[in-house]
């Protein structure tokens, strides 16, 4: 459960950084990706907890589905962060290195 608190703290920290650089689309994608990952991790944690606490088969299956949905959100958030990171790196290189970079 401690890791979910860290995930939320990181998302909040990135939200504060975004206020400093509102024009960067890469930063925004990174921020949105972090929040999507955070929501996904929370859903997965709820699903895993529910699955552990119930003996009813239908509730366990529903909890497994919720966990899978959380995993999918985490993957989507990670992909957004990848794209945002690439954009930030390309922007940095364009500003600091001469030449054609794409």
C-alpha atoms as a PDB file:
ATOM      1  CA  UNK A   1       0.000   0.000   0.000  1.00  0.00           C
ATOM      2  CA  UNK A   2       2.980   2.293   0.521  1.00  0.00           C
ATOM      3  CA  UNK A   3       3.786   2.302  -3.180  1.00  0.00           C
ATOM      4  CA  UNK A   4       0.403   3.788  -4.047  1.00  0.00           C
ATOM      5  CA  UNK A   5       1.129   6.711  -1.725  1.00  0.00           C
ATOM      6  CA  UNK A   6       4.446   7.217  -3.516  1.00  0.00           C
ATOM      7  CA  UNK A   7       2.658   7.063  -6.870  1.00  0.00           C
ATOM      8  CA  UNK A   8       0.208   9.767  -5.769  1.00  0.00           C
ATOM      9  CA  UNK A   9       3.057  11.887  -4.370  1.00  0.00           C
ATOM     10  CA  UNK A  10       4.920  11.662  -7.678  1.00  0.00           C
ATOM     11  CA  UNK A  11       1.803  12.632  -9.643  1.00  0.00           C
ATOM     12  CA  UNK A  12       1.235  15.631  -7.382  1.00  0.00           C
ATOM     13  CA  UNK A  13       4.893  16.638  -7.693  1.00  0.00           C
ATOM     14  CA  UNK A  14       4.721  16.457 -11.490  1.00  0.00           C
ATOM     15  CA  UNK A  15       1.521  18.525 -11.402  1.00  0.00           C
ATOM     16  CA  UNK A  16       3.411  21.245  -9.564  1.00  0.00           C
ATOM     17  CA  UNK A  17       6.268  21.108 -12.089  1.00  0.00           C
ATOM     18  CA  UNK A  18       3.800  21.415 -14.974  1.00  0.00           C
ATOM     19  CA  UNK A  19       2.728  24.785 -13.581  1.00  0.00           C
ATOM     20  CA  UNK A  20       6.297  25.987 -14.108  1.00  0.00           C
ATOM     21  CA  UNK A  21       6.402  24.879 -17.775  1.00  0.00           C
ATOM     22  CA  UNK A  22       2.823  25.034 -19.093  1.00  0.00           C
ATOM     23  CA  UNK A  23       3.919  25.331 -22.750  1.00  0.00           C
ATOM     24  CA  UNK A  24       5.628  21.956 -22.985  1.00  0.00           C
ATOM     25  CA  UNK A  25       3.406  19.319 -24.616  1.00  0.00           C
ATOM     26  CA  UNK A  26       5.917  16.630 -23.617  1.00  0.00           C
ATOM     27  CA  UNK A  27       5.658  17.666 -19.971  1.00  0.00           C
ATOM     28  CA  UNK A  28       1.871  17.602 -20.183  1.00  0.00           C
ATOM     29  CA  UNK A  29       1.868  14.088 -21.684  1.00  0.00           C
ATOM     30  CA  UNK A  30       4.268  12.978 -18.961  1.00  0.00           C
ATOM     31  CA  UNK A  31       1.957  14.428 -16.310  1.00  0.00           C
ATOM     32  CA  UNK A  32      -1.201  12.887 -17.764  1.00  0.00           C
ATOM     33  CA  UNK A  33       0.608   9.561 -18.091  1.00  0.00           C
ATOM     34  CA  UNK A  34       1.627   9.696 -14.436  1.00  0.00           C
ATOM     35  CA  UNK A  35      -1.958  10.354 -13.320  1.00  0.00           C
ATOM     36  CA  UNK A  36      -3.320   7.566 -15.551  1.00  0.00           C
ATOM     37  CA  UNK A  37      -0.743   5.187 -14.075  1.00  0.00           C
ATOM     38  CA  UNK A  38      -1.691   6.300 -10.555  1.00  0.00           C
ATOM     39  CA  UNK A  39      -5.399   5.670 -11.132  1.00  0.00           C
ATOM     40  CA  UNK A  40      -4.550   2.300 -12.682  1.00  0.00           C
ATOM     41  CA  UNK A  41      -2.459   1.303  -9.685  1.00  0.00           C
ATOM     42  CA  UNK A  42      -5.256   2.315  -7.314  1.00  0.00           C
ATOM     43  CA  UNK A  43      -7.795   0.236  -9.268  1.00  0.00           C
ATOM     44  CA  UNK A  44      -5.467  -2.732  -9.266  1.00  0.00           C
ATOM     45  CA  UNK A  45      -4.893  -2.406  -5.521  1.00  0.00           C
ATOM     46  CA  UNK A  46      -8.634  -2.273  -4.843  1.00  0.00           C
ATOM     47  CA  UNK A  47      -9.184  -5.298  -7.077  1.00  0.00           C
ATOM     48  CA  UNK A  48      -6.422  -7.298  -5.397  1.00  0.00           C
ATOM     49  CA  UNK A  49      -7.695  -6.399  -1.935  1.00  0.00           C
ATOM     50  CA  UNK A  50     -11.264  -7.338  -2.819  1.00  0.00           C
ATOM     51  CA  UNK A  51     -10.081 -10.595  -4.335  1.00  0.00           C
ATOM     52  CA  UNK A  52      -8.163 -11.443  -1.154  1.00  0.00           C
ATOM     53  CA  UNK A  53     -11.050 -10.640   1.168  1.00  0.00           C
ATOM     54  CA  UNK A  54     -13.880 -12.504  -0.519  1.00  0.00           C
ATOM     55  CA  UNK A  55     -14.720 -16.159  -0.956  1.00  0.00           C
ATOM     56  CA  UNK A  56     -17.500 -15.586  -3.474  1.00  0.00           C
ATOM     57  CA  UNK A  57     -16.484 -16.658  -6.964  1.00  0.00           C
ATOM     58  CA  UNK A  58     -18.337 -13.858  -8.792  1.00  0.00           C
ATOM     59  CA  UNK A  59     -16.765 -11.164  -6.616  1.00  0.00           C
ATOM     60  CA  UNK A  60     -13.328 -12.712  -7.142  1.00  0.00           C
ATOM     61  CA  UNK A  61     -13.816 -12.687 -10.920  1.00  0.00           C
ATOM     62  CA  UNK A  62     -15.051  -9.083 -10.820  1.00  0.00           C
ATOM     63  CA  UNK A  63     -12.024  -8.150  -8.715  1.00  0.00           C
ATOM     64  CA  UNK A  64      -9.696  -9.887 -11.206  1.00  0.00           C
ATOM     65  CA  UNK A  65     -11.293  -7.919 -14.043  1.00  0.00           C
ATOM     66  CA  UNK A  66     -10.819  -4.695 -12.077  1.00  0.00           C
ATOM     67  CA  UNK A  67      -7.171  -5.614 -11.529  1.00  0.00           C
ATOM     68  CA  UNK A  68      -6.691  -6.235 -15.252  1.00  0.00           C
ATOM     69  CA  UNK A  69      -8.317  -2.886 -16.047  1.00  0.00           C
ATOM     70  CA  UNK A  70      -5.919  -1.244 -13.592  1.00  0.00           C
ATOM     71  CA  UNK A  71      -2.994  -2.947 -15.326  1.00  0.00           C
ATOM     72  CA  UNK A  72      -4.233  -1.677 -18.693  1.00  0.00           C
ATOM     73  CA  UNK A  73      -4.438   1.888 -17.372  1.00  0.00           C
ATOM     74  CA  UNK A  74      -0.917   1.602 -16.002  1.00  0.00           C
ATOM     75  CA  UNK A  75       0.315   0.460 -19.427  1.00  0.00           C
ATOM     76  CA  UNK A  76      -1.476   3.352 -21.131  1.00  0.00           C
ATOM     77  CA  UNK A  77       0.016   5.819 -18.662  1.00  0.00           C
ATOM     78  CA  UNK A  78       3.461   4.385 -19.221  1.00  0.00           C
ATOM     79  CA  UNK A  79       3.058   4.764 -22.985  1.00  0.00           C
ATOM     80  CA  UNK A  80       2.020   8.404 -22.551  1.00  0.00           C
ATOM     81  CA  UNK A  81       5.082   9.017 -20.407  1.00  0.00           C
ATOM     82  CA  UNK A  82       7.285   7.402 -23.050  1.00  0.00           C
ATOM     83  CA  UNK A  83       5.907   9.674 -25.784  1.00  0.00           C
ATOM     84  CA  UNK A  84       6.152  12.739 -23.551  1.00  0.00           C
ATOM     85  CA  UNK A  85       9.712  11.906 -22.573  1.00  0.00           C
ATOM     86  CA  UNK A  86      10.709  11.485 -26.204  1.00  0.00           C
ATOM     87  CA  UNK A  87       9.161  14.856 -27.078  1.00  0.00           C
ATOM     88  CA  UNK A  88      10.941  16.563 -24.182  1.00  0.00           C
ATOM     89  CA  UNK A  89      14.273  15.052 -25.234  1.00  0.00           C
ATOM     90  CA  UNK A  90      13.802  16.077 -28.870  1.00  0.00           C
ATOM     91  CA  UNK A  91      12.853  19.619 -27.800  1.00  0.00           C
ATOM     92  CA  UNK A  92      15.932  19.814 -25.571  1.00  0.00           C
ATOM     93  CA  UNK A  93      18.218  18.553 -28.317  1.00  0.00           C
ATOM     94  CA  UNK A  94      16.753  21.003 -30.846  1.00  0.00           C
ATOM     95  CA  UNK A  95      17.376  23.881 -28.456  1.00  0.00           C
ATOM     96  CA  UNK A  96      20.900  22.833 -27.495  1.00  0.00           C
ATOM     97  CA  UNK A  97      22.372  21.042 -30.503  1.00  0.00           C
ATOM     98  CA  UNK A  98      22.599  22.239 -34.093  1.00  0.00           C
ATOM     99  CA  UNK A  99      21.269  19.931 -36.774  1.00  0.00           C
ATOM    100  CA  UNK A 100      18.150  18.147 -37.863  1.00  0.00           C
ATOM    101  CA  UNK A 101      16.671  15.967 -35.096  1.00  0.00           C
ATOM    102  CA  UNK A 102      13.307  14.250 -35.396  1.00  0.00           C
END
